[in-house]
Amino acid sequence: MGGDNRRAWRRGAYLLLAAVALANGGCLAAAAAGVAGGAGVAYLYYQGNVSETYRAAFEDTRAATRTALAELGMPVIEEKADNGGGAFESRTFDGYAVHLTLDSVTPRVPADGPQTRVSIRVATFGDKTVSDRVHRQISAHLAPAAVAPVPQTEAPTGPTVPITEVGAPPAPLPPPSPPPPLLTQEKR
């Protein structure tokens, strides 16, 4: 009788362990769904920030941004500026918040001159159409950056061919090749 009692306890313990595992399995699935949903929301938030780097000094880009917002009928609610960075707060016509961030960027090539990155977020998850429109308007107020000439350090190497005659007729073409043989009924 003692062996049957022990088996009953073991069976009960296994059943209890299985019930706990099944209950926790459902929680694990819910937790995994929550993490996936959170990652999706974070991705949408990240995608809502539309950035563009302009080849212009910070103050020029800041002035162009202020002018662009005024031309688009978007009021400047708040403007901040500090060492190499700044921000604008504005609103769209239908009341959505617009946050613009300006940051000075050190170019990788010094000859490229000063650069400023402007990032625009409309509402929480962004509106690419509105952001692109604001970027186009900012760009319209910035002069295109001059391209620095690349100095030639050495003469080009290679054979030099003198030009003897300007407008000389081209050399004659080689004769055409014969047409390929046709497949006849006999060779099929």
C-alpha atoms as a PDB file:
ATOM      1  CA  MET A   1       0.000   0.000   0.000  1.00  0.00           C
ATOM      2  CA  GLY A   2       2.860   2.390   0.658  1.00  0.00           C
ATOM      3  CA  GLY A   3       3.998   2.164  -3.009  1.00  0.00           C
ATOM      4  CA  ASP A   4       0.544   3.141  -4.297  1.00  0.00           C
ATOM      5  CA  ASN A   5       0.504   6.163  -2.020  1.00  0.00           C
ATOM      6  CA  ARG A   6       3.850   7.279  -3.278  1.00  0.00           C
ATOM      7  CA  ARG A   7       2.755   6.869  -6.909  1.00  0.00           C
ATOM      8  CA  ALA A   8      -0.333   8.946  -6.254  1.00  0.00           C
ATOM      9  CA  TRP A   9       1.777  11.755  -4.803  1.00  0.00           C
ATOM     10  CA  ARG A  10       4.139  11.628  -7.751  1.00  0.00           C
ATOM     11  CA  ARG A  11       1.270  11.657 -10.209  1.00  0.00           C
ATOM     12  CA  GLY A  12      -0.280  14.633  -8.399  1.00  0.00           C
ATOM     13  CA  ALA A  13       3.045  16.504  -8.368  1.00  0.00           C
ATOM     14  CA  TYR A  14       3.490  15.906 -12.117  1.00  0.00           C
ATOM     15  CA  LEU A  15      -0.050  17.097 -12.817  1.00  0.00           C
ATOM     16  CA  LEU A  16       0.522  20.219 -10.713  1.00  0.00           C
ATOM     17  CA  LEU A  17       3.827  20.901 -12.506  1.00  0.00           C
ATOM     18  CA  ALA A  18       2.145  20.464 -15.914  1.00  0.00           C
ATOM     19  CA  ALA A  19      -0.674  22.838 -14.919  1.00  0.00           C
ATOM     20  CA  VAL A  20       1.829  25.476 -13.786  1.00  0.00           C
ATOM     21  CA  ALA A  21       3.822  25.085 -17.034  1.00  0.00           C
ATOM     22  CA  LEU A  22       0.673  25.464 -19.147  1.00  0.00           C
ATOM     23  CA  ALA A  23      -0.450  28.522 -17.187  1.00  0.00           C
ATOM     24  CA  ASN A  24       2.960  30.149 -17.523  1.00  0.00           C
ATOM     25  CA  GLY A  25       3.106  29.259 -21.213  1.00  0.00           C
ATOM     26  CA  GLY A  26       0.100  31.510 -21.821  1.00  0.00           C
ATOM     27  CA  CYS A  27       1.742  34.332 -19.911  1.00  0.00           C
ATOM     28  CA  LEU A  28       4.902  33.862 -21.924  1.00  0.00           C
ATOM     29  CA  ALA A  29       2.957  34.185 -25.169  1.00  0.00           C
ATOM     30  CA  ALA A  30       1.235  37.332 -23.878  1.00  0.00           C
ATOM     31  CA  ALA A  31       4.588  38.768 -22.808  1.00  0.00           C
ATOM     32  CA  ALA A  32       6.111  37.977 -26.209  1.00  0.00           C
ATOM     33  CA  ALA A  33       3.162  39.666 -27.938  1.00  0.00           C
ATOM     34  CA  GLY A  34       3.612  42.713 -25.697  1.00  0.00           C
ATOM     35  CA  VAL A  35       7.321  42.939 -26.517  1.00  0.00           C
ATOM     36  CA  ALA A  36       6.617  42.601 -30.261  1.00  0.00           C
ATOM     37  CA  GLY A  37       3.922  45.274 -30.056  1.00  0.00           C
ATOM     38  CA  GLY A  38       6.257  47.593 -28.159  1.00  0.00           C
ATOM     39  CA  ALA A  39       8.981  47.063 -30.749  1.00  0.00           C
ATOM     40  CA  GLY A  40       6.507  47.903 -33.511  1.00  0.00           C
ATOM     41  CA  VAL A  41       5.481  51.134 -31.793  1.00  0.00           C
ATOM     42  CA  ALA A  42       9.144  52.063 -31.236  1.00  0.00           C
ATOM     43  CA  TYR A  43       9.872  51.435 -34.925  1.00  0.00           C
ATOM     44  CA  LEU A  44       6.960  53.650 -36.007  1.00  0.00           C
ATOM     45  CA  TYR A  45       8.168  56.379 -33.646  1.00  0.00           C
ATOM     46  CA  TYR A  46      11.702  56.113 -35.041  1.00  0.00           C
ATOM     47  CA  GLN A  47      10.444  56.285 -38.645  1.00  0.00           C
ATOM     48  CA  GLY A  48       8.473  59.461 -37.869  1.00  0.00           C
ATOM     49  CA  ASN A  49      11.641  61.568 -37.559  1.00  0.00           C
ATOM     50  CA  VAL A  50      12.622  62.862 -41.037  1.00  0.00           C
ATOM     51  CA  SER A  51      16.179  64.272 -41.186  1.00  0.00           C
ATOM     52  CA  GLU A  52      18.082  66.164 -43.862  1.00  0.00           C
ATOM     53  CA  THR A  53      21.649  67.499 -43.744  1.00  0.00           C
ATOM     54  CA  TYR A  54      22.227  70.874 -45.404  1.00  0.00           C
ATOM     55  CA  ARG A  55      25.593  72.209 -46.531  1.00  0.00           C
ATOM     56  CA  ALA A  56      25.127  75.490 -44.675  1.00  0.00           C
ATOM     57  CA  ALA A  57      26.183  77.062 -41.404  1.00  0.00           C
ATOM     58  CA  PHE A  58      23.954  76.654 -38.355  1.00  0.00           C
ATOM     59  CA  GLU A  59      22.821  80.304 -38.228  1.00  0.00           C
ATOM     60  CA  ASP A  60      21.977  80.331 -41.955  1.00  0.00           C
ATOM     61  CA  THR A  61      19.945  77.139 -41.590  1.00  0.00           C
ATOM     62  CA  ARG A  62      18.224  78.498 -38.487  1.00  0.00           C
ATOM     63  CA  ALA A  63      17.203  81.681 -40.355  1.00  0.00           C
ATOM     64  CA  ALA A  64      16.023  79.605 -43.349  1.00  0.00           C
ATOM     65  CA  THR A  65      13.938  77.409 -41.020  1.00  0.00           C
ATOM     66  CA  ARG A  66      12.298  80.418 -39.377  1.00  0.00           C
ATOM     67  CA  THR A  67      11.472  81.904 -42.812  1.00  0.00           C
ATOM     68  CA  ALA A  68      10.199  78.580 -44.168  1.00  0.00           C
ATOM     69  CA  LEU A  69       7.824  78.104 -41.220  1.00  0.00           C
ATOM     70  CA  ALA A  70       6.459  81.633 -41.665  1.00  0.00           C
ATOM     71  CA  GLU A  71       5.901  81.091 -45.404  1.00  0.00           C
ATOM     72  CA  LEU A  72       4.082  77.811 -44.746  1.00  0.00           C
ATOM     73  CA  GLY A  73       1.788  79.502 -42.214  1.00  0.00           C
ATOM     74  CA  MET A  74       3.180  77.460 -39.332  1.00  0.00           C
ATOM     75  CA  PRO A  75       3.647  79.668 -36.267  1.00  0.00           C
ATOM     76  CA  VAL A  76       6.871  79.505 -34.274  1.00  0.00           C
ATOM     77  CA  ILE A  77       5.608  78.709 -30.783  1.00  0.00           C
ATOM     78  CA  GLU A  78       9.050  78.312 -29.237  1.00  0.00           C
ATOM     79  CA  GLU A  79      12.619  78.697 -30.466  1.00  0.00           C
ATOM     80  CA  LYS A  80      15.742  77.565 -28.609  1.00  0.00           C
ATOM     81  CA  ALA A  81      19.390  77.812 -29.566  1.00  0.00           C
ATOM     82  CA  ASP A  82      22.595  76.843 -27.809  1.00  0.00           C
ATOM     83  CA  ASN A  83      26.117  75.821 -28.813  1.00  0.00           C
ATOM     84  CA  GLY A  84      25.723  74.313 -32.270  1.00  0.00           C
ATOM     85  CA  GLY A  85      22.167  73.176 -31.752  1.00  0.00           C
ATOM     86  CA  GLY A  86      18.646  74.456 -31.592  1.00  0.00           C
ATOM     87  CA  ALA A  87      14.970  73.595 -31.783  1.00  0.00           C
ATOM     88  CA  PHE A  88      11.678  74.999 -33.016  1.00  0.00           C
ATOM     89  CA  GLU A  89       8.180  74.123 -31.855  1.00  0.00           C
ATOM     90  CA  SER A  90       5.336  74.802 -34.266  1.00  0.00           C
ATOM     91  CA  ARG A  91       1.882  73.540 -35.277  1.00  0.00           C
ATOM     92  CA  THR A  92       0.273  72.433 -38.506  1.00  0.00           C
ATOM     93  CA  PHE A  93      -2.938  74.047 -39.752  1.00  0.00           C
ATOM     94  CA  ASP A  94      -4.981  71.214 -38.218  1.00  0.00           C
ATOM     95  CA  GLY A  95      -3.255  71.533 -34.828  1.00  0.00           C
ATOM     96  CA  TYR A  96      -0.633  68.771 -34.848  1.00  0.00           C
ATOM     97  CA  ALA A  97       2.594  69.565 -33.004  1.00  0.00           C
ATOM     98  CA  VAL A  98       5.714  69.956 -35.151  1.00  0.00           C
ATOM     99  CA  HIS A  99       9.134  69.619 -33.519  1.00  0.00           C
ATOM    100  CA  LEU A 100      12.228  70.679 -35.499  1.00  0.00           C
ATOM    101  CA  THR A 101      15.746  70.004 -34.211  1.00  0.00           C
ATOM    102  CA  LEU A 102      18.856  71.647 -35.700  1.00  0.00           C
ATOM    103  CA  ASP A 103      22.358  70.277 -35.043  1.00  0.00           C
ATOM    104  CA  SER A 104      25.724  71.428 -36.387  1.00  0.00           C
ATOM    105  CA  VAL A 105      27.521  68.567 -38.099  1.00  0.00           C
ATOM    106  CA  THR A 106      31.274  68.325 -38.481  1.00  0.00           C
ATOM    107  CA  PRO A 107      31.911  67.261 -42.079  1.00  0.00           C
ATOM    108  CA  ARG A 108      34.155  64.281 -42.703  1.00  0.00           C
ATOM    109  CA  VAL A 109      35.945  66.237 -45.425  1.00  0.00           C
ATOM    110  CA  PRO A 110      36.983  69.726 -44.235  1.00  0.00           C
ATOM    111  CA  ALA A 111      36.653  71.187 -47.738  1.00  0.00           C
ATOM    112  CA  ASP A 112      32.896  70.474 -47.616  1.00  0.00           C
ATOM    113  CA  GLY A 113      32.381  73.401 -45.236  1.00  0.00           C
ATOM    114  CA  PRO A 114      29.847  73.715 -42.421  1.00  0.00           C
ATOM    115  CA  GLN A 115      26.809  71.458 -42.337  1.00  0.00           C
ATOM    116  CA  THR A 116      23.584  71.444 -40.326  1.00  0.00           C
ATOM    117  CA  ARG A 117      21.207  68.506 -39.794  1.00  0.00           C
ATOM    118  CA  VAL A 118      17.507  69.381 -39.497  1.00  0.00           C
ATOM    119  CA  SER A 119      15.202  66.707 -38.056  1.00  0.00           C
ATOM    120  CA  ILE A 120      11.429  67.143 -38.227  1.00  0.00           C
ATOM    121  CA  ARG A 121       8.757  65.188 -36.360  1.00  0.00           C
ATOM    122  CA  VAL A 122       5.062  65.906 -36.903  1.00  0.00           C
ATOM    123  CA  ALA A 123       2.827  64.692 -34.048  1.00  0.00           C
ATOM    124  CA  THR A 124       3.979  61.482 -32.355  1.00  0.00           C
ATOM    125  CA  PHE A 125       4.557  59.130 -35.266  1.00  0.00           C
ATOM    126  CA  GLY A 126       5.450  61.692 -37.925  1.00  0.00           C
ATOM    127  CA  ASP A 127       3.972  62.784 -41.234  1.00  0.00           C
ATOM    128  CA  LYS A 128       6.487  62.316 -44.040  1.00  0.00           C
ATOM    129  CA  THR A 129       4.540  64.501 -46.481  1.00  0.00           C
ATOM    130  CA  VAL A 130       4.509  67.511 -44.147  1.00  0.00           C
ATOM    131  CA  SER A 131       8.132  66.941 -43.101  1.00  0.00           C
ATOM    132  CA  ASP A 132       9.298  66.745 -46.724  1.00  0.00           C
ATOM    133  CA  ARG A 133       7.360  69.933 -47.544  1.00  0.00           C
ATOM    134  CA  VAL A 134       9.069  71.817 -44.702  1.00  0.00           C
ATOM    135  CA  HIS A 135      12.481  70.479 -45.817  1.00  0.00           C
ATOM    136  CA  ARG A 136      11.871  71.674 -49.394  1.00  0.00           C
ATOM    137  CA  GLN A 137      10.930  75.124 -48.108  1.00  0.00           C
ATOM    138  CA  ILE A 138      14.065  75.321 -45.920  1.00  0.00           C
ATOM    139  CA  SER A 139      16.204  74.215 -48.855  1.00  0.00           C
ATOM    140  CA  ALA A 140      14.730  76.970 -51.032  1.00  0.00           C
ATOM    141  CA  HIS A 141      16.238  79.573 -48.678  1.00  0.00           C
ATOM    142  CA  LEU A 142      19.744  78.130 -48.565  1.00  0.00           C
ATOM    143  CA  ALA A 143      22.223  78.969 -51.302  1.00  0.00           C
ATOM    144  CA  PRO A 144      23.830  75.925 -52.869  1.00  0.00           C
ATOM    145  CA  ALA A 145      27.270  75.348 -51.402  1.00  0.00           C
ATOM    146  CA  ALA A 146      30.215  76.064 -53.631  1.00  0.00           C
ATOM    147  CA  VAL A 147      32.245  73.048 -54.585  1.00  0.00           C
ATOM    148  CA  ALA A 148      35.926  73.442 -53.789  1.00  0.00           C
ATOM    149  CA  PRO A 149      38.150  72.735 -56.797  1.00  0.00           C
ATOM    150  CA  VAL A 150      40.409  69.735 -56.501  1.00  0.00           C
ATOM    151  CA  PRO A 151      44.024  70.792 -57.131  1.00  0.00           C
ATOM    152  CA  GLN A 152      45.961  68.760 -59.695  1.00  0.00           C
ATOM    153  CA  THR A 153      49.245  67.679 -58.166  1.00  0.00           C
ATOM    154  CA  GLU A 154      50.795  65.936 -61.155  1.00  0.00           C
ATOM    155  CA  ALA A 155      50.333  65.917 -64.891  1.00  0.00           C
ATOM    156  CA  PRO A 156      48.162  63.170 -66.330  1.00  0.00           C
ATOM    157  CA  THR A 157      50.144  60.122 -67.309  1.00  0.00           C
ATOM    158  CA  GLY A 158      49.537  58.295 -70.544  1.00  0.00           C
ATOM    159  CA  PRO A 159      50.372  58.625 -74.178  1.00  0.00           C
ATOM    160  CA  THR A 160      49.638  61.925 -75.774  1.00  0.00           C
ATOM    161  CA  VAL A 161      48.306  61.757 -79.287  1.00  0.00           C
ATOM    162  CA  PRO A 162      48.635  64.879 -81.380  1.00  0.00           C
ATOM    163  CA  ILE A 163      45.526  66.050 -83.149  1.00  0.00           C
ATOM    164  CA  THR A 164      46.537  66.404 -86.757  1.00  0.00           C
ATOM    165  CA  GLU A 165      43.315  67.241 -88.448  1.00  0.00           C
ATOM    166  CA  VAL A 166      40.165  68.668 -86.917  1.00  0.00           C
ATOM    167  CA  GLY A 167      36.985  67.312 -88.428  1.00  0.00           C
ATOM    168  CA  ALA A 168      38.673  64.466 -90.292  1.00  0.00           C
ATOM    169  CA  PRO A 169      36.280  61.815 -91.596  1.00  0.00           C
ATOM    170  CA  PRO A 170      36.094  58.640 -89.553  1.00  0.00           C
ATOM    171  CA  ALA A 171      37.961  55.543 -90.624  1.00  0.00           C
ATOM    172  CA  PRO A 172      36.006  53.190 -92.945  1.00  0.00           C
ATOM    173  CA  LEU A 173      34.060  50.345 -91.344  1.00  0.00           C
ATOM    174  CA  PRO A 174      35.112  46.723 -91.885  1.00  0.00           C
ATOM    175  CA  PRO A 175      33.031  44.717 -94.365  1.00  0.00           C
ATOM    176  CA  PRO A 176      29.925  43.023 -92.922  1.00  0.00           C
ATOM    177  CA  SER A 177      30.088  39.363 -91.968  1.00  0.00           C
ATOM    178  CA  PRO A 178      28.066  36.830 -93.962  1.00  0.00           C
ATOM    179  CA  PRO A 179      24.584  35.967 -92.658  1.00  0.00           C
ATOM    180  CA  PRO A 180      24.244  32.866 -90.483  1.00  0.00           C
ATOM    181  CA  PRO A 181      23.182  29.689 -92.216  1.00  0.00           C
ATOM    182  CA  LEU A 182      19.475  28.955 -92.130  1.00  0.00           C
ATOM    183  CA  LEU A 183      18.138  25.780 -90.646  1.00  0.00           C
ATOM    184  CA  THR A 184      16.551  23.759 -93.408  1.00  0.00           C
ATOM    185  CA  GLN A 185      13.989  21.013 -93.238  1.00  0.00           C
ATOM    186  CA  GLU A 186      16.596  18.393 -94.122  1.00  0.00           C
ATOM    187  CA  LYS A 187      18.830  19.201 -91.112  1.00  0.00           C
ATOM    188  CA  ARG A 188      16.047  19.009 -88.544  1.00  0.00           C
END
